[in-house]
């Protein structure tokens, strides 16, 4: 059976992503969990919320894997798949979230160990936090690019006006460079951990607002009938809300005590898990306007 160029491109791209994910998990486990297994085990037995967070994050990773599978299958099914296609960009975003969730595992356990004054110093925790938020920037960049491009091209959706497309792409590049450089510089220069929750809220607000608008526009315009854009937009809306709540709760409830921080973290992780499940349902159910 002859394999088409489209199938080869899709297979090669997905294979490389799988290899990267495997290596990322392998080296994280090798350099963190194995050397510090005793400290990690003690943290899990001391802090009741860590096992709860672990279960939530594992379920969330499984949900993201399903979303990646659906979106990449949709991308490969295109006659001429491009890396700028919406299914690929959204799939890549959820793919990066799988890596980010592993770092969340590390962050939660590292922080639990550090507050007892053993195992790690605050500089290590600060650098790990910076790395995590660079991942946040990367994982939310694809939906940001999709949303801001469609926003600049919104009045001409469904047309093939090459001049307007070029203008929209130019504006997208300019605003994206400003956005990426600004956020990256802020992340690098921050010297304390507390402000990172605010940065996360700002990044989520900017990126996910465009995504919510994009899927509402698709629903109104009856675009992508194989997915339910209305349900997806609702899922992303709740995902946005919980990400905005994160810094608010961290500066109110979480700072009061370790219990408050545990409740905040479980609330945000649980809320975003429910949001991700809603998004998954939207990608599995066809729109009502499907012919």
C-alpha atoms as a PDB file:
ATOM      1  CA  UNK A   1       0.000   0.000   0.000  1.00  0.00           C
ATOM      2  CA  UNK A   2       1.485   3.328  -1.089  1.00  0.00           C
ATOM      3  CA  UNK A   3       1.832   5.975   1.625  1.00  0.00           C
ATOM      4  CA  UNK A   4       0.984   9.508   0.515  1.00  0.00           C
ATOM      5  CA  UNK A   5       3.207  12.530   1.155  1.00  0.00           C
ATOM      6  CA  UNK A   6       0.502  13.889   3.459  1.00  0.00           C
ATOM      7  CA  UNK A   7       0.561  10.737   5.592  1.00  0.00           C
ATOM      8  CA  UNK A   8       4.378  10.736   5.686  1.00  0.00           C
ATOM      9  CA  UNK A   9       4.438  14.356   6.854  1.00  0.00           C
ATOM     10  CA  UNK A  10       1.863  13.669   9.541  1.00  0.00           C
ATOM     11  CA  UNK A  11       3.584  10.490  10.727  1.00  0.00           C
ATOM     12  CA  UNK A  12       7.020  12.150  10.895  1.00  0.00           C
ATOM     13  CA  UNK A  13       5.721  15.210  12.782  1.00  0.00           C
ATOM     14  CA  UNK A  14       3.754  13.199  15.325  1.00  0.00           C
ATOM     15  CA  UNK A  15       6.627  10.719  15.784  1.00  0.00           C
ATOM     16  CA  UNK A  16       9.050  13.552  16.585  1.00  0.00           C
ATOM     17  CA  UNK A  17       6.608  15.016  19.101  1.00  0.00           C
ATOM     18  CA  UNK A  18       6.178  11.617  20.784  1.00  0.00           C
ATOM     19  CA  UNK A  19       9.967  11.139  20.991  1.00  0.00           C
ATOM     20  CA  UNK A  20      10.413  14.613  22.500  1.00  0.00           C
ATOM     21  CA  UNK A  21       7.697  13.962  25.085  1.00  0.00           C
ATOM     22  CA  UNK A  22       9.247  10.618  26.026  1.00  0.00           C
ATOM     23  CA  UNK A  23      12.704  12.164  26.464  1.00  0.00           C
ATOM     24  CA  UNK A  24      11.263  15.073  28.449  1.00  0.00           C
ATOM     25  CA  UNK A  25       9.549  12.727  30.907  1.00  0.00           C
ATOM     26  CA  UNK A  26      12.541  10.367  31.028  1.00  0.00           C
ATOM     27  CA  UNK A  27      15.098  13.054  31.938  1.00  0.00           C
ATOM     28  CA  UNK A  28      12.752  14.754  34.400  1.00  0.00           C
ATOM     29  CA  UNK A  29      12.246  11.479  36.252  1.00  0.00           C
ATOM     30  CA  UNK A  30      15.960  10.620  35.971  1.00  0.00           C
ATOM     31  CA  UNK A  31      17.260  13.927  37.354  1.00  0.00           C
ATOM     32  CA  UNK A  32      14.525  14.740  39.867  1.00  0.00           C
ATOM     33  CA  UNK A  33      12.412  11.864  41.091  1.00  0.00           C
ATOM     34  CA  UNK A  34      15.142   9.211  41.294  1.00  0.00           C
ATOM     35  CA  UNK A  35      17.838  11.267  43.120  1.00  0.00           C
ATOM     36  CA  UNK A  36      15.305  12.821  45.511  1.00  0.00           C
ATOM     37  CA  UNK A  37      12.970   9.868  45.864  1.00  0.00           C
ATOM     38  CA  UNK A  38      13.224   9.855  49.662  1.00  0.00           C
ATOM     39  CA  UNK A  39      12.349  13.553  49.967  1.00  0.00           C
ATOM     40  CA  UNK A  40       9.514  13.239  47.472  1.00  0.00           C
ATOM     41  CA  UNK A  41       8.077  10.212  49.297  1.00  0.00           C
ATOM     42  CA  UNK A  42       8.240  12.085  52.593  1.00  0.00           C
ATOM     43  CA  UNK A  43       6.458  15.078  51.067  1.00  0.00           C
ATOM     44  CA  UNK A  44       3.658  12.849  49.767  1.00  0.00           C
ATOM     45  CA  UNK A  45       3.195  11.247  53.173  1.00  0.00           C
ATOM     46  CA  UNK A  46       3.284  14.605  54.983  1.00  0.00           C
ATOM     47  CA  UNK A  47       1.098  16.778  52.761  1.00  0.00           C
ATOM     48  CA  UNK A  48      -2.322  15.208  52.170  1.00  0.00           C
ATOM     49  CA  UNK A  49      -3.062  17.410  49.153  1.00  0.00           C
ATOM     50  CA  UNK A  50      -0.148  16.101  47.038  1.00  0.00           C
ATOM     51  CA  UNK A  51      -1.764  12.672  46.306  1.00  0.00           C
ATOM     52  CA  UNK A  52      -5.034  14.464  45.467  1.00  0.00           C
ATOM     53  CA  UNK A  53      -3.225  16.812  43.083  1.00  0.00           C
ATOM     54  CA  UNK A  54      -1.399  13.856  41.553  1.00  0.00           C
ATOM     55  CA  UNK A  55      -4.662  12.084  40.702  1.00  0.00           C
ATOM     56  CA  UNK A  56      -6.164  15.279  39.247  1.00  0.00           C
ATOM     57  CA  UNK A  57      -3.093  15.966  37.117  1.00  0.00           C
ATOM     58  CA  UNK A  58      -2.894  12.368  35.828  1.00  0.00           C
ATOM     59  CA  UNK A  59      -6.549  12.562  34.736  1.00  0.00           C
ATOM     60  CA  UNK A  60      -5.854  15.946  33.150  1.00  0.00           C
ATOM     61  CA  UNK A  61      -2.898  14.509  31.208  1.00  0.00           C
ATOM     62  CA  UNK A  62      -5.161  11.714  29.891  1.00  0.00           C
ATOM     63  CA  UNK A  63      -7.713  14.311  28.781  1.00  0.00           C
ATOM     64  CA  UNK A  64      -4.986  16.309  27.011  1.00  0.00           C
ATOM     65  CA  UNK A  65      -3.752  13.134  25.298  1.00  0.00           C
ATOM     66  CA  UNK A  66      -7.254  12.539  23.947  1.00  0.00           C
ATOM     67  CA  UNK A  67      -7.461  16.123  22.702  1.00  0.00           C
ATOM     68  CA  UNK A  68      -4.053  15.845  21.021  1.00  0.00           C
ATOM     69  CA  UNK A  69      -5.123  12.602  19.320  1.00  0.00           C
ATOM     70  CA  UNK A  70      -8.392  14.100  18.015  1.00  0.00           C
ATOM     71  CA  UNK A  71      -6.773  17.302  16.744  1.00  0.00           C
ATOM     72  CA  UNK A  72      -3.772  15.616  15.115  1.00  0.00           C
ATOM     73  CA  UNK A  73      -6.047  13.082  13.410  1.00  0.00           C
ATOM     74  CA  UNK A  74      -8.084  15.981  12.055  1.00  0.00           C
ATOM     75  CA  UNK A  75      -4.890  17.705  10.896  1.00  0.00           C
ATOM     76  CA  UNK A  76      -3.499  14.620   9.129  1.00  0.00           C
ATOM     77  CA  UNK A  77      -6.860  14.105   7.376  1.00  0.00           C
ATOM     78  CA  UNK A  78      -6.425  17.412   5.526  1.00  0.00           C
ATOM     79  CA  UNK A  79      -5.533  17.045   1.855  1.00  0.00           C
ATOM     80  CA  UNK A  80      -2.587  19.409   2.338  1.00  0.00           C
ATOM     81  CA  UNK A  81      -1.739  19.633   6.054  1.00  0.00           C
ATOM     82  CA  UNK A  82       0.128  22.789   7.067  1.00  0.00           C
ATOM     83  CA  UNK A  83       1.713  23.625  10.400  1.00  0.00           C
ATOM     84  CA  UNK A  84      -0.388  26.795  10.459  1.00  0.00           C
ATOM     85  CA  UNK A  85      -3.662  24.788  10.434  1.00  0.00           C
ATOM     86  CA  UNK A  86      -5.917  25.336  13.453  1.00  0.00           C
ATOM     87  CA  UNK A  87      -6.100  21.606  14.421  1.00  0.00           C
ATOM     88  CA  UNK A  88      -2.295  21.316  14.477  1.00  0.00           C
ATOM     89  CA  UNK A  89      -1.752  24.525  16.460  1.00  0.00           C
ATOM     90  CA  UNK A  90      -4.402  23.638  19.041  1.00  0.00           C
ATOM     91  CA  UNK A  91      -3.110  20.065  19.199  1.00  0.00           C
ATOM     92  CA  UNK A  92       0.410  21.359  19.775  1.00  0.00           C
ATOM     93  CA  UNK A  93      -0.879  23.607  22.569  1.00  0.00           C
ATOM     94  CA  UNK A  94      -2.469  20.664  24.404  1.00  0.00           C
ATOM     95  CA  UNK A  95       0.659  18.620  23.675  1.00  0.00           C
ATOM     96  CA  UNK A  96       2.790  21.221  25.477  1.00  0.00           C
ATOM     97  CA  UNK A  97       0.342  21.127  28.385  1.00  0.00           C
ATOM     98  CA  UNK A  98       1.300  17.467  28.881  1.00  0.00           C
ATOM     99  CA  UNK A  99       4.916  18.553  29.468  1.00  0.00           C
ATOM    100  CA  UNK A 100       3.784  21.441  31.667  1.00  0.00           C
ATOM    101  CA  UNK A 101       1.761  19.141  33.916  1.00  0.00           C
ATOM    102  CA  UNK A 102       4.857  17.066  34.655  1.00  0.00           C
ATOM    103  CA  UNK A 103       6.669  20.220  35.719  1.00  0.00           C
ATOM    104  CA  UNK A 104       3.680  21.019  37.930  1.00  0.00           C
ATOM    105  CA  UNK A 105       4.264  17.658  39.652  1.00  0.00           C
ATOM    106  CA  UNK A 106       7.857  18.697  40.264  1.00  0.00           C
ATOM    107  CA  UNK A 107       6.898  22.204  41.409  1.00  0.00           C
ATOM    108  CA  UNK A 108       4.293  21.028  43.911  1.00  0.00           C
ATOM    109  CA  UNK A 109       6.629  18.470  45.490  1.00  0.00           C
ATOM    110  CA  UNK A 110       9.641  20.802  45.382  1.00  0.00           C
ATOM    111  CA  UNK A 111       7.692  23.575  47.099  1.00  0.00           C
ATOM    112  CA  UNK A 112       6.382  21.181  49.755  1.00  0.00           C
ATOM    113  CA  UNK A 113       9.931  20.056  50.492  1.00  0.00           C
ATOM    114  CA  UNK A 114      11.423  23.566  50.375  1.00  0.00           C
ATOM    115  CA  UNK A 115       9.046  25.138  52.905  1.00  0.00           C
ATOM    116  CA  UNK A 116      10.473  22.696  55.475  1.00  0.00           C
ATOM    117  CA  UNK A 117      13.928  24.072  54.761  1.00  0.00           C
ATOM    118  CA  UNK A 118      15.368  20.824  53.406  1.00  0.00           C
ATOM    119  CA  UNK A 119      16.180  19.439  49.998  1.00  0.00           C
ATOM    120  CA  UNK A 120      16.135  22.553  47.817  1.00  0.00           C
ATOM    121  CA  UNK A 121      16.939  26.233  48.099  1.00  0.00           C
ATOM    122  CA  UNK A 122      14.686  29.065  46.965  1.00  0.00           C
ATOM    123  CA  UNK A 123      16.893  29.851  43.950  1.00  0.00           C
ATOM    124  CA  UNK A 124      16.271  26.372  42.540  1.00  0.00           C
ATOM    125  CA  UNK A 125      12.540  26.811  43.088  1.00  0.00           C
ATOM    126  CA  UNK A 126      12.621  30.264  41.443  1.00  0.00           C
ATOM    127  CA  UNK A 127      14.432  28.959  38.341  1.00  0.00           C
ATOM    128  CA  UNK A 128      12.070  25.986  38.120  1.00  0.00           C
ATOM    129  CA  UNK A 129       9.125  28.387  38.333  1.00  0.00           C
ATOM    130  CA  UNK A 130      10.603  30.521  35.531  1.00  0.00           C
ATOM    131  CA  UNK A 131      10.958  27.421  33.366  1.00  0.00           C
ATOM    132  CA  UNK A 132       7.330  26.460  34.082  1.00  0.00           C
ATOM    133  CA  UNK A 133       6.069  29.872  33.033  1.00  0.00           C
ATOM    134  CA  UNK A 134       8.142  29.862  29.873  1.00  0.00           C
ATOM    135  CA  UNK A 135       6.230  26.648  29.117  1.00  0.00           C
ATOM    136  CA  UNK A 136       2.986  28.510  29.879  1.00  0.00           C
ATOM    137  CA  UNK A 137       3.969  31.122  27.301  1.00  0.00           C
ATOM    138  CA  UNK A 138       4.787  28.432  24.707  1.00  0.00           C
ATOM    139  CA  UNK A 139       1.671  26.328  25.322  1.00  0.00           C
ATOM    140  CA  UNK A 140      -0.660  29.342  25.033  1.00  0.00           C
ATOM    141  CA  UNK A 141       1.165  30.865  22.059  1.00  0.00           C
ATOM    142  CA  UNK A 142      -0.578  28.740  19.349  1.00  0.00           C
ATOM    143  CA  UNK A 143      -4.136  29.684  20.410  1.00  0.00           C
ATOM    144  CA  UNK A 144      -2.965  33.290  20.782  1.00  0.00           C
ATOM    145  CA  UNK A 145      -1.618  33.265  17.204  1.00  0.00           C
ATOM    146  CA  UNK A 146      -4.836  31.727  15.857  1.00  0.00           C
ATOM    147  CA  UNK A 147      -7.044  34.141  17.750  1.00  0.00           C
ATOM    148  CA  UNK A 148      -5.165  37.349  16.980  1.00  0.00           C
ATOM    149  CA  UNK A 149      -4.840  36.452  13.276  1.00  0.00           C
ATOM    150  CA  UNK A 150      -8.561  35.728  12.991  1.00  0.00           C
ATOM    151  CA  UNK A 151      -9.280  38.949  14.878  1.00  0.00           C
ATOM    152  CA  UNK A 152      -7.317  41.030  12.351  1.00  0.00           C
ATOM    153  CA  UNK A 153      -8.940  39.095   9.477  1.00  0.00           C
ATOM    154  CA  UNK A 154     -12.404  38.836  11.106  1.00  0.00           C
ATOM    155  CA  UNK A 155     -14.291  40.990   8.573  1.00  0.00           C
ATOM    156  CA  UNK A 156     -13.054  38.874   5.682  1.00  0.00           C
ATOM    157  CA  UNK A 157     -13.501  35.350   7.040  1.00  0.00           C
ATOM    158  CA  UNK A 158     -14.573  32.994   4.284  1.00  0.00           C
ATOM    159  CA  UNK A 159     -12.880  35.072   1.564  1.00  0.00           C
ATOM    160  CA  UNK A 160      -9.507  34.723  -0.164  1.00  0.00           C
ATOM    161  CA  UNK A 161      -8.379  38.357  -0.220  1.00  0.00           C
ATOM    162  CA  UNK A 162      -4.596  37.912  -0.386  1.00  0.00           C
ATOM    163  CA  UNK A 163      -3.868  41.567   0.373  1.00  0.00           C
ATOM    164  CA  UNK A 164      -5.933  41.506   3.570  1.00  0.00           C
ATOM    165  CA  UNK A 165      -4.393  38.164   4.526  1.00  0.00           C
ATOM    166  CA  UNK A 166      -0.903  39.667   4.228  1.00  0.00           C
ATOM    167  CA  UNK A 167      -1.920  42.642   6.375  1.00  0.00           C
ATOM    168  CA  UNK A 168      -3.432  40.323   8.990  1.00  0.00           C
ATOM    169  CA  UNK A 169      -0.271  38.193   9.039  1.00  0.00           C
ATOM    170  CA  UNK A 170       1.947  41.286   9.338  1.00  0.00           C
ATOM    171  CA  UNK A 171      -0.094  42.602  12.273  1.00  0.00           C
ATOM    172  CA  UNK A 172      -0.067  39.151  13.883  1.00  0.00           C
ATOM    173  CA  UNK A 173       3.739  38.959  13.641  1.00  0.00           C
ATOM    174  CA  UNK A 174       4.228  42.476  15.063  1.00  0.00           C
ATOM    175  CA  UNK A 175       1.867  41.998  18.017  1.00  0.00           C
ATOM    176  CA  UNK A 176       3.209  38.487  18.698  1.00  0.00           C
ATOM    177  CA  UNK A 177       6.838  39.651  18.828  1.00  0.00           C
ATOM    178  CA  UNK A 178       5.933  42.475  21.231  1.00  0.00           C
ATOM    179  CA  UNK A 179       3.868  40.071  23.359  1.00  0.00           C
ATOM    180  CA  UNK A 180       6.512  37.310  23.498  1.00  0.00           C
ATOM    181  CA  UNK A 181       9.444  39.644  24.199  1.00  0.00           C
ATOM    182  CA  UNK A 182       7.590  41.584  26.884  1.00  0.00           C
ATOM    183  CA  UNK A 183       6.398  38.520  28.795  1.00  0.00           C
ATOM    184  CA  UNK A 184       9.744  36.694  28.406  1.00  0.00           C
ATOM    185  CA  UNK A 185      11.724  39.659  29.753  1.00  0.00           C
ATOM    186  CA  UNK A 186       9.372  39.991  32.732  1.00  0.00           C
ATOM    187  CA  UNK A 187       9.687  36.255  33.524  1.00  0.00           C
ATOM    188  CA  UNK A 188      13.494  36.370  33.317  1.00  0.00           C
ATOM    189  CA  UNK A 189      13.841  39.504  35.454  1.00  0.00           C
ATOM    190  CA  UNK A 190      11.486  38.497  38.273  1.00  0.00           C
ATOM    191  CA  UNK A 191      13.392  37.626  41.442  1.00  0.00           C
ATOM    192  CA  UNK A 192      10.536  36.367  43.630  1.00  0.00           C
ATOM    193  CA  UNK A 193       7.985  33.605  43.073  1.00  0.00           C
ATOM    194  CA  UNK A 194       4.810  35.411  44.169  1.00  0.00           C
ATOM    195  CA  UNK A 195       4.338  37.634  41.040  1.00  0.00           C
ATOM    196  CA  UNK A 196       4.354  34.617  38.723  1.00  0.00           C
ATOM    197  CA  UNK A 197       0.709  33.898  39.490  1.00  0.00           C
ATOM    198  CA  UNK A 198      -0.181  37.367  38.179  1.00  0.00           C
ATOM    199  CA  UNK A 199       1.891  36.730  35.031  1.00  0.00           C
ATOM    200  CA  UNK A 200       0.025  33.456  34.487  1.00  0.00           C
ATOM    201  CA  UNK A 201      -3.302  35.253  34.837  1.00  0.00           C
ATOM    202  CA  UNK A 202      -2.282  37.929  32.314  1.00  0.00           C
ATOM    203  CA  UNK A 203      -0.991  35.391  29.768  1.00  0.00           C
ATOM    204  CA  UNK A 204      -4.185  33.334  30.125  1.00  0.00           C
ATOM    205  CA  UNK A 205      -6.393  36.405  29.790  1.00  0.00           C
ATOM    206  CA  UNK A 206      -4.666  37.585  26.614  1.00  0.00           C
ATOM    207  CA  UNK A 207      -4.406  34.162  24.931  1.00  0.00           C
ATOM    208  CA  UNK A 208      -7.618  32.414  25.990  1.00  0.00           C
ATOM    209  CA  UNK A 209      -9.838  35.447  25.383  1.00  0.00           C
ATOM    210  CA  UNK A 210      -8.953  35.198  21.696  1.00  0.00           C
ATOM    211  CA  UNK A 211      -9.678  31.453  21.759  1.00  0.00           C
ATOM    212  CA  UNK A 212     -13.129  31.906  23.328  1.00  0.00           C
ATOM    213  CA  UNK A 213     -13.934  34.601  20.772  1.00  0.00           C
ATOM    214  CA  UNK A 214     -12.624  32.388  17.953  1.00  0.00           C
ATOM    215  CA  UNK A 215     -14.849  29.399  18.772  1.00  0.00           C
ATOM    216  CA  UNK A 216     -17.913  31.588  19.323  1.00  0.00           C
ATOM    217  CA  UNK A 217     -17.239  33.110  15.885  1.00  0.00           C
ATOM    218  CA  UNK A 218     -16.896  29.612  14.400  1.00  0.00           C
ATOM    219  CA  UNK A 219     -20.189  28.583  15.983  1.00  0.00           C
ATOM    220  CA  UNK A 220     -22.006  31.644  14.646  1.00  0.00           C
ATOM    221  CA  UNK A 221     -20.450  31.190  11.207  1.00  0.00           C
ATOM    222  CA  UNK A 222     -21.160  27.427  11.199  1.00  0.00           C
ATOM    223  CA  UNK A 223     -17.474  26.650  10.685  1.00  0.00           C
ATOM    224  CA  UNK A 224     -15.926  23.243  11.581  1.00  0.00           C
ATOM    225  CA  UNK A 225     -19.272  21.393  11.843  1.00  0.00           C
ATOM    226  CA  UNK A 226     -17.485  18.175  12.875  1.00  0.00           C
ATOM    227  CA  UNK A 227     -16.828  19.805  16.268  1.00  0.00           C
ATOM    228  CA  UNK A 228     -19.216  21.588  18.618  1.00  0.00           C
ATOM    229  CA  UNK A 229     -17.649  25.044  18.769  1.00  0.00           C
ATOM    230  CA  UNK A 230     -20.219  26.306  21.288  1.00  0.00           C
ATOM    231  CA  UNK A 231     -19.320  23.643  23.881  1.00  0.00           C
ATOM    232  CA  UNK A 232     -15.613  24.181  23.178  1.00  0.00           C
ATOM    233  CA  UNK A 233     -15.974  27.929  23.737  1.00  0.00           C
ATOM    234  CA  UNK A 234     -17.741  27.271  27.056  1.00  0.00           C
ATOM    235  CA  UNK A 235     -14.908  24.956  28.118  1.00  0.00           C
ATOM    236  CA  UNK A 236     -12.245  27.513  27.224  1.00  0.00           C
ATOM    237  CA  UNK A 237     -14.258  30.243  28.977  1.00  0.00           C
ATOM    238  CA  UNK A 238     -14.231  28.282  32.249  1.00  0.00           C
ATOM    239  CA  UNK A 239     -10.557  27.431  31.706  1.00  0.00           C
ATOM    240  CA  UNK A 240      -9.915  31.180  31.408  1.00  0.00           C
ATOM    241  CA  UNK A 241     -11.958  31.976  34.532  1.00  0.00           C
ATOM    242  CA  UNK A 242     -10.055  29.487  36.700  1.00  0.00           C
ATOM    243  CA  UNK A 243      -6.713  30.788  35.429  1.00  0.00           C
ATOM    244  CA  UNK A 244      -7.755  34.337  36.327  1.00  0.00           C
ATOM    245  CA  UNK A 245      -8.951  33.144  39.753  1.00  0.00           C
ATOM    246  CA  UNK A 246      -5.563  31.605  40.457  1.00  0.00           C
ATOM    247  CA  UNK A 247      -3.682  34.845  41.327  1.00  0.00           C
ATOM    248  CA  UNK A 248      -6.736  36.208  43.176  1.00  0.00           C
ATOM    249  CA  UNK A 249      -6.987  33.148  45.416  1.00  0.00           C
ATOM    250  CA  UNK A 250      -3.221  32.980  45.883  1.00  0.00           C
ATOM    251  CA  UNK A 251      -3.154  36.532  47.231  1.00  0.00           C
ATOM    252  CA  UNK A 252      -6.187  36.024  49.469  1.00  0.00           C
ATOM    253  CA  UNK A 253      -6.750  32.476  50.707  1.00  0.00           C
ATOM    254  CA  UNK A 254      -3.402  30.811  49.935  1.00  0.00           C
ATOM    255  CA  UNK A 255      -1.191  33.253  51.822  1.00  0.00           C
ATOM    256  CA  UNK A 256      -3.090  32.694  55.056  1.00  0.00           C
ATOM    257  CA  UNK A 257      -1.825  29.143  55.616  1.00  0.00           C
ATOM    258  CA  UNK A 258      -0.554  25.954  54.013  1.00  0.00           C
ATOM    259  CA  UNK A 259      -4.135  24.626  54.133  1.00  0.00           C
ATOM    260  CA  UNK A 260      -5.317  27.694  52.244  1.00  0.00           C
ATOM    261  CA  UNK A 261      -2.681  27.140  49.599  1.00  0.00           C
ATOM    262  CA  UNK A 262      -3.696  23.476  49.312  1.00  0.00           C
ATOM    263  CA  UNK A 263      -7.367  24.398  48.874  1.00  0.00           C
ATOM    264  CA  UNK A 264      -6.460  27.018  46.265  1.00  0.00           C
ATOM    265  CA  UNK A 265      -4.274  24.640  44.260  1.00  0.00           C
ATOM    266  CA  UNK A 266      -6.798  21.804  44.337  1.00  0.00           C
ATOM    267  CA  UNK A 267      -9.608  24.209  43.363  1.00  0.00           C
ATOM    268  CA  UNK A 268      -7.696  25.572  40.367  1.00  0.00           C
ATOM    269  CA  UNK A 269      -6.411  22.176  39.185  1.00  0.00           C
ATOM    270  CA  UNK A 270      -9.858  20.609  39.658  1.00  0.00           C
ATOM    271  CA  UNK A 271     -11.605  23.501  37.928  1.00  0.00           C
ATOM    272  CA  UNK A 272      -9.291  23.444  34.922  1.00  0.00           C
ATOM    273  CA  UNK A 273      -9.727  19.656  34.752  1.00  0.00           C
ATOM    274  CA  UNK A 274     -13.512  20.061  34.467  1.00  0.00           C
ATOM    275  CA  UNK A 275     -12.944  22.770  31.844  1.00  0.00           C
ATOM    276  CA  UNK A 276     -10.653  20.463  29.854  1.00  0.00           C
ATOM    277  CA  UNK A 277     -13.277  17.690  29.970  1.00  0.00           C
ATOM    278  CA  UNK A 278     -15.893  20.136  28.603  1.00  0.00           C
ATOM    279  CA  UNK A 279     -13.483  21.050  25.785  1.00  0.00           C
ATOM    280  CA  UNK A 280     -12.920  17.334  25.057  1.00  0.00           C
ATOM    281  CA  UNK A 281     -16.692  16.757  24.902  1.00  0.00           C
ATOM    282  CA  UNK A 282     -16.973  19.656  22.447  1.00  0.00           C
ATOM    283  CA  UNK A 283     -14.383  18.072  20.167  1.00  0.00           C
ATOM    284  CA  UNK A 284     -16.123  14.694  20.327  1.00  0.00           C
ATOM    285  CA  UNK A 285     -19.687  15.949  19.625  1.00  0.00           C
ATOM    286  CA  UNK A 286     -20.659  17.260  16.214  1.00  0.00           C
ATOM    287  CA  UNK A 287     -22.381  20.615  15.919  1.00  0.00           C
ATOM    288  CA  UNK A 288     -26.138  20.704  15.509  1.00  0.00           C
ATOM    289  CA  UNK A 289     -25.773  22.440  12.169  1.00  0.00           C
ATOM    290  CA  UNK A 290     -23.940  19.395  10.771  1.00  0.00           C
ATOM    291  CA  UNK A 291     -25.560  18.567   7.425  1.00  0.00           C
END
